[in-house]
Each structure stands twice: as structure tokens, then as C-alpha cells.
Amino acid sequence: MSKLDFKQKIIVIFFLGLPFVDLLTSLSTRFIDFPITIGIVVRGLSLAISVVYVFLYTKCKYKKHTILYIGAIAVFAILYFLTKPDIWQLSSLVTEVIAAFKYLYFPIMLLCLYNIFQDFHIEADTIKRIISINCFVYAAMMLIPYFTGTGFSSYEWSFEGTTGWFYAANEIGPILIVLSICMLDLMDNNKKWKVLLCLPIIYSVSIIGTKVSYIGIIASVIIACLIFILKTKKNRFVLPAALLAILILCNFGSVAVENMGTLADLDKLPPSSEVETETLPEEDYPIDKVPQTTVSLIQGNKLLYLANRVTSNRVLYFFENWKPYTSNGVSTILFGFGWAERPALNNMYYKTLVEIDIFDILLHYGVIGFLIYFAPFVFLVYKFFCKLKYIRMESYAYILTVILGVGISCIAGHILGAPAVSIYLILLLLLVVQQTESHPAYRKGDDSSNDKL
């Protein structure tokens, strides 16, 4: 990694400070009754500064694309509010702004950081160093409270697990899973003993206790091992075998396995007329307000029942949000029903997050908002396909990790709508871009490269 200049150091310091921002946000949320946290302030300022920089200073070739995209969001926002005349109350507007910040952070910051990283020449090695350091910092702030007994529980009820000093298991879990791809670098190193450094990473995930963290770390280890085997010619199986042994050791008797024990007997379905409180927790979803038609639909269909159990009632949430979405006119279908409670939605006896990000974006922002939201992601995927011959083998590990993160967002949510998590998906995407554009053949513009990717 080359020596960093002052501007590059500022960017690196910002990213290295994110774990501590998350820590302070967690503590302030738990112990201080104040709606504005340090996380909102830091990420809000960083987003604002990034947008201003793109409008006024960037020389990146995608400046116009970024400005047009932000302009499209502004036009959508105007139409969004015009189609909801009963939303013009302070409390409703605050709710809408907070939700917009959480969800729009990912696409806007993705484009803005692409411009910034191009201007400041942030190299792939620098991004990899950030990912590795942050992964160990998060792991340390999970393990220290775990062994000192000062951590917080992952659940409010009987299940076991800890979030360390952080606030939510459904955020710290995906963060560690995404960052744990740094294990590939720990294996792909001349010092083979460094594979042992994967132990605190994997163990910190294993103590969270959620299904997502348990399955996610297994997938992350498999990705690292697979790419290492494909990339390396010598000692092809020794280090992957060691990493798999560490995975088994860390997850032996994992609390996540115990928590998932209730899923072991899914084939024994209850009669459709019965509603188990374990299946539909009353504190999360008032059972007396759930129409029996919806309950019967899920209970009477084995596939839907299985999906509902695996996704912790998200299938039920989807059905009960889908009905008001499709029954409130064309404007709701095109621009969503928003986030605030409104008189026009009086037929929505219960409104909640589906906690599957793509559905939440569709339902709350409509078809037009959905298309605008994912436009940068689709554009980036298209560019990857156009440059497929320049993508290095190592980059596929990061691409698969991004796919893993998106997969988690489609099962458990709290990825695209959680800036603390989505910022690391952005980093991985930018890492792939930097590695691709540093390919010798790409730099020369030679499509007939014989270099191995």
C-alpha cells in the first residue's frame, strides 16, 4: 500500500472511526432518551459533504450521472409528497425524512463515494486494510463484553445470544459477516499462522445467536475457502482445512443452534385453525388483529408456513402490507404508501416493516421509487458484466459477499435500510471496481489480455 496523502488519510480515518460511531450510537440509544444519535449526525454530515463535493468539485467521468440521479430522487420526492396531501404534519414529515435518510443512504453514497474514490485515488489495498482493521475492531467489541459479562442480549425474550456493546443483532451480525471476507487475506499470506487470526472473527459471530449470523458466517468461510483454492496453486487445501476446523470449533455448541432448534420439526404442521403464539408472537404482531383468512392461508400452505417460520413471520407481514398497498389507488402503487400513519390509510389496521428490504422499498416508495432506488446497483452490475474479462479471481470473493449481503436483506432485512451495514457493501463494491480498473489490460485498454483474472 502506497503512502497516503492528507485527503486520503481523512477518508481512511472516517471509515476507521465507524465502529466507534456505532458503539457510541448504541450506548446513547440505550441510556439517553434523545432521538438524534451520533450515528445520525456523522452519517448525515458525511452524506451531505459527499453530495456537495460531487456537485462542486469532482472531476470523475460519472459526475453527470450522479447529479442526474440525485435530481431524479428530488423529482420523485416532490411527486411522492404531492400524492400524499394528508402527510403535511411535522411528526409525519420527521418520520418520512428519517426513513428516507436510512434507505437512500445506500444508493446516493454508493455513487458519491465512487466519484470521491476516483478523484482521491483510493487504492484497493487501502480499502482491504480498512475492511480488515474494522473487522477486528468490531470483533474485539463483541468478545471483550462477552468475556467480561458487560454485553447486551441479542433478544428481548428467552433466546440466548449477545450483541456485545452494540445495539441490534440484526445489524452487527451482517456487519461482521460482510467484513469477515478479510479472512481470505489472512489465508492468502506468506505467514500461514495468520489463519489463526480468523478465530476471533468467527467466534465473535457465533455468539450473536441469530440464524442470519450463524448461516452467514458459514457462507463467508465457504466463499473464502473456495476463492483461495481457485486462486492458489500451492498448499491448496491445508489453510482452507484449518479455516473450516476453526469454523467448526467456534460453532460447536453455538447458541444459534439451540435457538434454531424450534425449526427442526417443521414438517409437523398445526391445524389451520390453530395459531401458535410462538409462530406469531403477540408482542410483535397482535394476533387478535390478524384476519383469519391470512392466518389460514399461511397455516394451510406448507411452503408458506415454512417460509414464514424461517423468516420469522415476514411472510405474514408481507401479506398484511400488500393489501393496503394494492387497494389505495394507482398513486400508492406508483409512489408507495409512505412511512407515516395517515388518514388515507385508515384501512391499515396494522402497519409494520416487512423486514425484507426489497419489499419494504417497493411498498413504501412504490414502483417508481423501487426502480429509481436500484438504478445505481443495476448500472454497476451492468458495468461489471462489461468488464468481466478484467475481474480478478480475488474480486469474486467480494462480489459473492455482496450477493450474500443482498441475500440477507431479502430474508432478514436491515441491510439496505441500515447505513451502518450498507456502507460496507459500498466498500466491497468499490473494492471490486478498483481491482478491476487496476488490471494491467484494463489500464492499457487491451482486450486481448492473457493475464489470469
Protein backbone atom coordinates (compact mmCIF):
# COMPACT_ATOMS: atom_id res chain seq x y z
CA MET A 1 0.00 0.00 0.00
CA SER A 2 1.49 3.35 -1.08
CA LYS A 3 1.87 6.25 1.31
CA LEU A 4 -1.35 8.19 1.79
CA ASP A 5 -1.63 11.93 1.27
CA PHE A 6 -3.67 14.18 3.59
CA LYS A 7 -7.01 13.85 1.73
CA GLN A 8 -6.68 10.08 1.54
CA LYS A 9 -5.92 9.94 5.27
CA ILE A 10 -9.12 11.88 6.03
CA ILE A 11 -11.18 9.30 4.13
CA VAL A 12 -9.40 6.39 5.83
CA ILE A 13 -9.89 7.95 9.27
CA PHE A 14 -13.61 8.39 8.55
CA PHE A 15 -14.04 4.70 7.75
CA LEU A 16 -11.86 3.52 10.64
CA GLY A 17 -13.97 5.59 13.00
CA LEU A 18 -17.24 3.90 12.00
CA PRO A 19 -17.06 1.06 14.59
CA PHE A 20 -16.71 3.66 17.35
CA VAL A 21 -19.60 5.68 15.90
CA ASP A 22 -21.72 2.52 16.07
CA LEU A 23 -20.59 1.91 19.65
CA LEU A 24 -21.48 5.44 20.78
CA THR A 25 -24.78 5.23 18.91
CA SER A 26 -25.62 2.01 20.73
CA LEU A 27 -24.80 3.40 24.16
CA SER A 28 -26.67 6.67 23.57
CA THR A 29 -29.71 4.79 22.27
CA ARG A 30 -29.79 2.55 25.33
CA PHE A 31 -29.05 5.09 28.04
CA ILE A 32 -30.03 8.51 26.68
CA ASP A 33 -33.61 9.31 25.68
CA PHE A 34 -32.82 11.58 22.73
CA PRO A 35 -33.99 11.00 19.14
CA ILE A 36 -30.81 12.27 17.42
CA THR A 37 -27.80 9.98 17.84
CA ILE A 38 -24.16 10.45 16.91
CA GLY A 39 -24.72 7.90 14.15
CA ILE A 40 -27.37 10.07 12.51
CA VAL A 41 -25.17 13.18 12.85
CA VAL A 42 -21.97 11.60 11.49
CA ARG A 43 -23.63 9.76 8.62
CA GLY A 44 -25.88 12.70 7.81
CA LEU A 45 -22.91 15.07 7.62
CA SER A 46 -20.86 12.60 5.58
CA LEU A 47 -23.73 12.19 3.12
CA ALA A 48 -24.23 15.95 2.84
CA ILE A 49 -20.50 16.61 2.37
CA SER A 50 -20.27 13.87 -0.26
CA VAL A 51 -23.20 15.30 -2.25
CA VAL A 52 -21.79 18.85 -2.09
CA TYR A 53 -18.38 17.58 -3.18
CA VAL A 54 -19.86 15.80 -6.21
CA PHE A 55 -21.85 18.89 -7.27
CA LEU A 56 -18.98 21.35 -6.86
CA TYR A 57 -15.60 19.63 -7.05
CA THR A 58 -15.44 16.13 -8.52
CA LYS A 59 -13.76 15.56 -11.88
CA CYS A 60 -14.92 11.95 -12.15
CA LYS A 61 -16.38 10.93 -15.50
CA TYR A 62 -19.58 9.83 -13.72
CA LYS A 63 -20.26 13.25 -12.19
CA LYS A 64 -23.16 13.96 -14.56
CA HIS A 65 -24.67 10.52 -13.93
CA THR A 66 -24.54 11.10 -10.18
CA ILE A 67 -26.07 14.58 -10.38
CA LEU A 68 -28.83 13.31 -12.69
CA TYR A 69 -29.57 10.51 -10.25
CA ILE A 70 -29.81 12.85 -7.27
CA GLY A 71 -32.02 15.09 -9.42
CA ALA A 72 -34.27 12.12 -10.19
CA ILE A 73 -34.61 11.45 -6.46
CA ALA A 74 -35.52 15.12 -5.88
CA VAL A 75 -38.24 14.99 -8.57
CA PHE A 76 -39.53 11.72 -7.12
CA ALA A 77 -39.62 13.26 -3.64
CA ILE A 78 -41.79 16.14 -4.91
CA LEU A 79 -44.25 13.77 -6.57
CA TYR A 80 -44.11 11.46 -3.55
CA PHE A 81 -45.32 14.20 -1.21
CA LEU A 82 -47.82 15.65 -3.69
CA THR A 83 -49.58 12.27 -3.87
CA LYS A 84 -49.93 12.27 -0.07
CA PRO A 85 -51.71 15.55 0.80
CA ASP A 86 -52.51 14.30 4.31
CA ILE A 87 -48.85 13.90 5.23
CA TRP A 88 -48.07 17.57 5.84
CA GLN A 89 -47.72 17.41 9.60
CA LEU A 90 -44.48 17.87 11.48
CA SER A 91 -44.46 14.42 13.09
CA SER A 92 -45.22 12.73 9.76
CA LEU A 93 -42.56 14.73 7.92
CA VAL A 94 -39.95 13.84 10.54
CA THR A 95 -40.84 10.16 10.15
CA GLU A 96 -40.53 10.41 6.37
CA VAL A 97 -37.19 12.24 6.46
CA ILE A 98 -35.64 9.73 8.88
CA ALA A 99 -36.82 6.81 6.75
CA ALA A 100 -35.59 8.47 3.56
CA PHE A 101 -32.16 9.02 5.10
CA LYS A 102 -31.86 5.39 6.16
CA TYR A 103 -32.90 3.93 2.81
CA LEU A 104 -31.46 6.45 0.35
CA TYR A 105 -28.09 6.48 2.09
CA PHE A 106 -27.00 3.36 0.19
CA PRO A 107 -27.62 4.40 -3.46
CA ILE A 108 -26.56 8.04 -3.04
CA MET A 109 -23.44 7.23 -1.02
CA LEU A 110 -22.51 4.48 -3.48
CA LEU A 111 -22.38 6.94 -6.37
CA CYS A 112 -20.81 9.75 -4.38
CA LEU A 113 -18.05 7.57 -2.93
CA TYR A 114 -17.34 6.18 -6.39
CA ASN A 115 -16.62 9.75 -7.52
CA ILE A 116 -14.58 10.52 -4.41
CA PHE A 117 -12.51 7.33 -4.55
CA GLN A 118 -11.72 8.00 -8.22
CA ASP A 119 -10.66 11.61 -7.52
CA PHE A 120 -8.52 10.76 -4.49
CA HIS A 121 -7.12 7.54 -5.97
CA ILE A 122 -8.09 5.30 -3.08
CA GLU A 123 -6.35 2.03 -3.95
CA ALA A 124 -7.68 -1.49 -3.50
CA ASP A 125 -5.04 -2.27 -0.84
CA THR A 126 -6.21 0.71 1.21
CA ILE A 127 -9.82 -0.48 1.09
CA LYS A 128 -8.77 -4.02 2.06
CA ARG A 129 -6.81 -2.64 5.01
CA ILE A 130 -9.88 -0.69 6.18
CA ILE A 131 -12.05 -3.81 5.94
CA SER A 132 -9.57 -5.93 7.91
CA ILE A 133 -8.98 -3.38 10.68
CA ASN A 134 -12.68 -2.68 11.15
CA CYS A 135 -13.48 -6.38 11.23
CA PHE A 136 -11.07 -6.92 14.13
CA VAL A 137 -12.31 -3.81 15.95
CA TYR A 138 -15.93 -4.99 15.73
CA ALA A 139 -14.86 -8.49 16.83
CA ALA A 140 -12.98 -7.05 19.82
CA MET A 141 -16.03 -5.02 20.87
CA MET A 142 -18.04 -8.23 20.74
CA LEU A 143 -15.62 -10.50 22.60
CA ILE A 144 -14.47 -8.15 25.38
CA PRO A 145 -18.02 -7.57 26.70
CA TYR A 146 -18.82 -11.25 26.18
CA PHE A 147 -15.99 -12.42 28.42
CA THR A 148 -16.44 -9.59 30.94
CA GLY A 149 -20.20 -10.04 31.16
CA THR A 150 -20.88 -6.43 30.15
CA GLY A 151 -22.57 -7.10 26.81
CA PHE A 152 -26.22 -6.77 25.83
CA SER A 153 -28.58 -9.58 24.89
CA SER A 154 -29.47 -10.22 21.25
CA TYR A 155 -33.08 -10.97 22.20
CA GLU A 156 -35.68 -9.47 24.49
CA TRP A 157 -37.15 -12.88 25.26
CA SER A 158 -35.86 -16.35 26.10
CA PHE A 159 -33.38 -16.95 23.28
CA GLU A 160 -29.67 -16.69 24.00
CA GLY A 161 -27.04 -14.55 22.29
CA THR A 162 -25.19 -11.27 22.70
CA THR A 163 -24.61 -8.13 20.64
CA GLY A 164 -21.55 -7.13 22.64
CA TRP A 165 -21.67 -3.40 23.22
CA PHE A 166 -23.69 -2.81 20.07
CA TYR A 167 -27.41 -2.20 19.80
CA ALA A 168 -29.01 -4.67 17.40
CA ALA A 169 -28.12 -8.23 16.46
CA ASN A 170 -29.66 -7.78 13.01
CA GLU A 171 -27.07 -5.07 12.28
CA ILE A 172 -23.87 -6.19 13.99
CA GLY A 173 -24.31 -9.71 12.60
CA PRO A 174 -24.41 -8.64 8.92
CA ILE A 175 -21.60 -6.13 9.51
CA LEU A 176 -19.29 -8.87 10.80
CA ILE A 177 -20.38 -11.28 8.06
CA VAL A 178 -19.62 -8.75 5.32
CA LEU A 179 -16.29 -7.74 6.84
CA SER A 180 -15.26 -11.34 7.55
CA ILE A 181 -14.28 -11.78 3.91
CA CYS A 182 -10.96 -10.34 5.10
CA MET A 183 -10.28 -13.96 6.12
CA LEU A 184 -9.27 -14.51 2.51
CA ASP A 185 -6.35 -12.13 3.02
CA LEU A 186 -5.40 -13.90 6.24
CA MET A 187 -5.08 -17.16 4.29
CA ASP A 188 -3.54 -15.60 1.20
CA ASN A 189 -0.43 -14.58 3.11
CA ASN A 190 3.14 -15.83 3.30
CA LYS A 191 2.75 -16.25 7.06
CA LYS A 192 0.46 -19.25 7.32
CA TRP A 193 -0.07 -18.81 11.06
CA LYS A 194 -2.21 -15.75 10.30
CA VAL A 195 -5.11 -18.06 9.52
CA LEU A 196 -5.42 -18.38 13.32
CA LEU A 197 -6.49 -14.74 13.38
CA CYS A 198 -9.76 -15.91 11.83
CA LEU A 199 -10.67 -17.46 15.19
CA PRO A 200 -11.76 -14.23 16.97
CA ILE A 201 -13.68 -13.15 13.87
CA ILE A 202 -15.67 -16.38 13.59
CA TYR A 203 -16.19 -16.70 17.34
CA SER A 204 -17.49 -13.14 17.62
CA VAL A 205 -20.18 -14.02 15.07
CA SER A 206 -21.02 -17.36 16.68
CA ILE A 207 -22.02 -15.75 19.99
CA ILE A 208 -24.65 -13.47 18.40
CA GLY A 209 -27.12 -16.33 18.31
CA THR A 210 -29.23 -15.40 15.27
CA LYS A 211 -29.97 -17.59 12.26
CA VAL A 212 -28.56 -14.95 9.93
CA SER A 213 -25.24 -14.71 11.76
CA TYR A 214 -24.88 -18.49 12.02
CA ILE A 215 -25.65 -19.26 8.38
CA GLY A 216 -23.89 -16.12 7.18
CA ILE A 217 -20.51 -16.90 8.74
CA ILE A 218 -20.65 -20.43 7.32
CA ALA A 219 -21.30 -18.97 3.86
CA SER A 220 -18.50 -16.43 4.32
CA VAL A 221 -15.97 -19.12 5.27
CA ILE A 222 -17.04 -21.24 2.27
CA ILE A 223 -16.57 -18.24 -0.05
CA ALA A 224 -13.10 -17.53 1.36
CA CYS A 225 -12.03 -21.17 1.09
CA LEU A 226 -13.43 -21.60 -2.42
CA ILE A 227 -11.75 -18.50 -3.85
CA PHE A 228 -8.47 -19.34 -2.10
CA ILE A 229 -8.47 -22.83 -3.63
CA LEU A 230 -9.24 -21.49 -7.10
CA LYS A 231 -6.65 -18.74 -6.83
CA THR A 232 -3.75 -20.62 -5.19
CA LYS A 233 -1.70 -23.41 -6.73
CA LYS A 234 0.43 -24.43 -3.75
CA ASN A 235 -0.81 -25.76 -0.42
CA ARG A 236 -4.26 -25.59 -1.89
CA PHE A 237 -6.18 -27.41 0.85
CA VAL A 238 -4.16 -27.00 4.07
CA LEU A 239 -5.26 -23.48 5.01
CA PRO A 240 -8.90 -23.94 3.94
CA ALA A 241 -8.99 -27.09 6.07
CA ALA A 242 -7.58 -25.11 9.00
CA LEU A 243 -10.20 -22.39 8.50
CA LEU A 244 -13.01 -24.95 8.37
CA ALA A 245 -11.67 -26.50 11.58
CA ILE A 246 -11.77 -23.08 13.24
CA LEU A 247 -15.36 -22.63 12.00
CA ILE A 248 -16.43 -25.98 13.47
CA LEU A 249 -14.60 -25.28 16.75
CA CYS A 250 -16.20 -21.84 17.16
CA ASN A 251 -19.69 -23.05 16.33
CA PHE A 252 -19.56 -26.24 18.39
CA GLY A 253 -22.47 -25.88 20.77
CA SER A 254 -23.26 -22.44 19.35
CA VAL A 255 -26.24 -20.66 20.90
CA ALA A 256 -27.57 -20.16 17.38
CA VAL A 257 -28.00 -23.92 17.00
CA GLU A 258 -30.05 -24.04 20.19
CA ASN A 259 -32.09 -21.03 19.09
CA MET A 260 -32.85 -22.71 15.78
CA GLY A 261 -33.97 -25.91 17.48
CA THR A 262 -37.60 -24.91 17.06
CA LEU A 263 -37.15 -25.17 13.29
CA ALA A 264 -36.14 -28.84 13.43
CA ASP A 265 -39.72 -30.13 13.43
CA LEU A 266 -41.20 -28.06 10.63
CA ASP A 267 -42.95 -30.99 9.00
CA LYS A 268 -45.37 -31.32 11.92
CA LEU A 269 -47.72 -28.53 10.98
CA PRO A 270 -50.53 -27.48 13.33
CA PRO A 271 -54.14 -27.49 12.11
CA SER A 272 -55.00 -24.40 10.07
CA SER A 273 -57.49 -23.30 12.73
CA GLU A 274 -54.77 -23.03 15.37
CA VAL A 275 -52.39 -20.12 15.70
CA GLU A 276 -49.30 -20.74 17.80
CA THR A 277 -48.11 -17.81 19.81
CA GLU A 278 -44.54 -18.95 19.14
CA THR A 279 -45.19 -18.74 15.41
CA LEU A 280 -46.97 -15.38 15.65
CA PRO A 281 -45.57 -13.60 18.74
CA GLU A 282 -48.28 -11.45 20.24
CA GLU A 283 -45.85 -8.77 21.30
CA ASP A 284 -44.68 -8.38 17.69
CA TYR A 285 -47.94 -8.91 15.84
CA PRO A 286 -51.28 -8.66 17.71
CA ILE A 287 -52.95 -11.99 16.99
CA ASP A 288 -56.46 -10.72 17.62
CA LYS A 289 -55.94 -8.21 14.77
CA VAL A 290 -54.72 -10.73 12.20
CA PRO A 291 -57.52 -11.74 9.80
CA GLN A 292 -58.13 -15.47 9.96
CA THR A 293 -58.05 -15.58 6.15
CA THR A 294 -54.37 -14.60 6.20
CA VAL A 295 -53.55 -16.93 9.07
CA SER A 296 -55.38 -19.81 7.39
CA LEU A 297 -53.59 -19.12 4.12
CA ILE A 298 -50.19 -19.42 5.79
CA GLN A 299 -51.07 -22.24 8.17
CA GLY A 300 -52.75 -24.22 5.40
CA ASN A 301 -49.90 -23.99 2.90
CA LYS A 302 -46.82 -25.97 3.85
CA LEU A 303 -44.46 -23.88 1.72
CA LEU A 304 -45.80 -20.56 3.03
CA TYR A 305 -45.75 -21.88 6.58
CA LEU A 306 -42.14 -22.99 6.20
CA ALA A 307 -41.15 -19.65 4.67
CA ASN A 308 -42.97 -17.81 7.46
CA ARG A 309 -41.15 -19.79 10.15
CA VAL A 310 -37.74 -19.43 8.53
CA THR A 311 -38.21 -15.68 8.01
CA SER A 312 -39.71 -15.10 11.48
CA ASN A 313 -43.23 -14.09 10.31
CA ARG A 314 -42.04 -11.91 7.43
CA VAL A 315 -44.38 -13.70 5.04
CA LEU A 316 -47.28 -12.67 7.26
CA TYR A 317 -46.00 -9.09 7.40
CA PHE A 318 -45.79 -9.02 3.60
CA PHE A 319 -49.37 -10.20 3.06
CA GLU A 320 -50.77 -7.70 5.55
CA ASN A 321 -48.81 -4.82 3.97
CA TRP A 322 -49.53 -5.91 0.40
CA LYS A 323 -53.30 -5.50 0.75
CA PRO A 324 -53.28 -1.77 1.65
CA TYR A 325 -50.57 -1.16 -0.96
CA THR A 326 -52.72 -2.54 -3.78
CA SER A 327 -56.06 -1.20 -2.54
CA ASN A 328 -55.31 2.52 -2.15
CA GLY A 329 -55.23 3.60 -5.77
CA VAL A 330 -52.71 3.99 -8.60
CA SER A 331 -50.77 6.74 -6.81
CA THR A 332 -50.00 4.37 -3.93
CA ILE A 333 -48.83 1.65 -6.33
CA LEU A 334 -46.56 4.11 -8.14
CA PHE A 335 -45.29 6.12 -5.15
CA GLY A 336 -45.89 3.80 -2.19
CA PHE A 337 -47.88 4.37 0.98
CA GLY A 338 -45.00 6.04 2.81
CA TRP A 339 -43.85 5.58 6.37
CA ALA A 340 -46.08 7.84 8.43
CA GLU A 341 -49.56 6.99 9.67
CA ARG A 342 -52.09 8.89 7.52
CA PRO A 343 -55.89 9.20 7.46
CA ALA A 344 -55.92 7.88 3.88
CA LEU A 345 -54.58 4.59 5.17
CA ASN A 346 -57.29 4.04 7.77
CA ASN A 347 -57.87 0.54 6.38
CA MET A 348 -54.39 -0.41 7.56
CA TYR A 349 -55.23 -1.79 10.98
CA TYR A 350 -51.60 -2.76 11.48
CA LYS A 351 -48.58 -1.41 9.62
CA THR A 352 -45.05 -2.62 10.13
CA LEU A 353 -41.85 -3.31 8.28
CA VAL A 354 -41.88 -6.48 6.28
CA GLU A 355 -38.16 -6.61 7.20
CA ILE A 356 -37.32 -7.79 3.70
CA ASP A 357 -35.63 -4.76 2.20
CA ILE A 358 -36.76 -5.10 -1.40
CA PHE A 359 -40.40 -5.44 -0.31
CA ASP A 360 -40.16 -2.54 2.13
CA ILE A 361 -38.72 -0.31 -0.60
CA LEU A 362 -41.44 -1.38 -3.05
CA LEU A 363 -44.33 -0.98 -0.60
CA HIS A 364 -43.24 2.30 0.94
CA TYR A 365 -41.85 4.01 -2.20
CA GLY A 366 -43.88 2.32 -4.93
CA VAL A 367 -42.86 1.02 -8.33
CA ILE A 368 -41.24 4.28 -9.43
CA GLY A 369 -39.28 4.63 -6.20
CA PHE A 370 -38.22 1.00 -6.45
CA LEU A 371 -36.85 1.47 -9.97
CA ILE A 372 -35.03 4.68 -9.04
CA TYR A 373 -33.60 3.15 -5.88
CA PHE A 374 -31.98 0.17 -7.58
CA ALA A 375 -30.85 2.00 -10.73
CA PRO A 376 -27.23 2.57 -9.50
CA PHE A 377 -26.93 -1.03 -8.37
CA VAL A 378 -28.20 -2.33 -11.74
CA PHE A 379 -25.87 0.07 -13.56
CA LEU A 380 -22.88 -1.16 -11.54
CA VAL A 381 -23.80 -4.80 -12.21
CA TYR A 382 -24.03 -3.99 -15.92
CA LYS A 383 -20.57 -2.37 -15.83
CA PHE A 384 -19.18 -5.47 -14.09
CA PHE A 385 -20.52 -7.69 -16.85
CA CYS A 386 -18.99 -5.41 -19.47
CA LYS A 387 -15.62 -5.68 -17.72
CA LEU A 388 -15.90 -9.35 -16.84
CA LYS A 389 -12.60 -10.24 -18.51
CA TYR A 390 -10.76 -7.80 -16.23
CA ILE A 391 -12.21 -9.01 -12.94
CA ARG A 392 -9.59 -10.78 -10.85
CA MET A 393 -10.27 -14.09 -9.15
CA GLU A 394 -9.94 -12.45 -5.73
CA SER A 395 -12.66 -9.95 -6.68
CA TYR A 396 -15.18 -12.75 -6.98
CA ALA A 397 -14.89 -13.25 -3.22
CA TYR A 398 -16.06 -9.67 -2.69
CA ILE A 399 -18.78 -9.98 -5.32
CA LEU A 400 -20.09 -13.14 -3.67
CA THR A 401 -20.00 -11.40 -0.28
CA VAL A 402 -22.09 -8.54 -1.69
CA ILE A 403 -24.53 -11.13 -3.06
CA LEU A 404 -24.56 -12.73 0.40
CA GLY A 405 -25.37 -9.34 1.95
CA VAL A 406 -28.17 -8.73 -0.55
CA GLY A 407 -29.43 -12.24 0.15
CA ILE A 408 -29.58 -11.44 3.86
CA SER A 409 -31.52 -8.27 3.05
CA CYS A 410 -34.03 -10.42 1.15
CA ILE A 411 -34.51 -12.77 4.11
CA ALA A 412 -34.00 -10.74 7.27
CA GLY A 413 -33.81 -7.12 6.10
CA HIS A 414 -31.86 -4.41 7.95
CA ILE A 415 -29.17 -4.18 5.26
CA LEU A 416 -30.11 -1.63 2.60
CA GLY A 417 -32.09 0.38 5.15
CA ALA A 418 -29.29 0.34 7.72
CA PRO A 419 -26.48 2.81 6.85
CA ALA A 420 -24.19 1.13 9.41
CA VAL A 421 -24.36 -2.05 7.32
CA SER A 422 -24.82 -0.77 3.77
CA ILE A 423 -21.65 1.35 3.95
CA TYR A 424 -19.61 -1.86 3.97
CA LEU A 425 -21.45 -3.23 0.93
CA ILE A 426 -20.45 0.01 -0.76
CA LEU A 427 -16.83 -0.53 0.26
CA LEU A 428 -16.81 -4.04 -1.20
CA LEU A 429 -18.34 -2.82 -4.47
CA LEU A 430 -15.76 -0.04 -4.71
CA LEU A 431 -13.02 -2.55 -3.92
CA VAL A 432 -14.08 -4.66 -6.92
CA VAL A 433 -14.13 -1.51 -9.10
CA GLN A 434 -10.62 -0.53 -8.01
CA GLN A 435 -9.24 -4.03 -8.51
CA THR A 436 -10.82 -4.24 -11.95
CA GLU A 437 -9.57 -0.85 -13.10
CA SER A 438 -6.06 -1.63 -11.85
CA HIS A 439 -5.89 -4.70 -14.10
CA PRO A 440 -2.92 -4.24 -16.50
CA ALA A 441 -5.02 -4.97 -19.59
CA TYR A 442 -7.73 -2.55 -18.46
CA ARG A 443 -5.18 0.23 -17.97
CA LYS A 444 -3.80 -0.37 -21.46
CA GLY A 445 -7.23 -0.75 -23.00
CA ASP A 446 -6.11 -4.12 -24.37
CA ASP A 447 -8.97 -6.61 -24.58
CA SER A 448 -6.66 -9.48 -25.50
CA SER A 449 -5.02 -9.81 -22.13
CA ASN A 450 -3.52 -13.16 -21.26
CA ASP A 451 -3.33 -12.33 -17.56
CA LYS A 452 -5.18 -14.66 -15.25
CA LEU A 453 -8.10 -12.93 -13.55
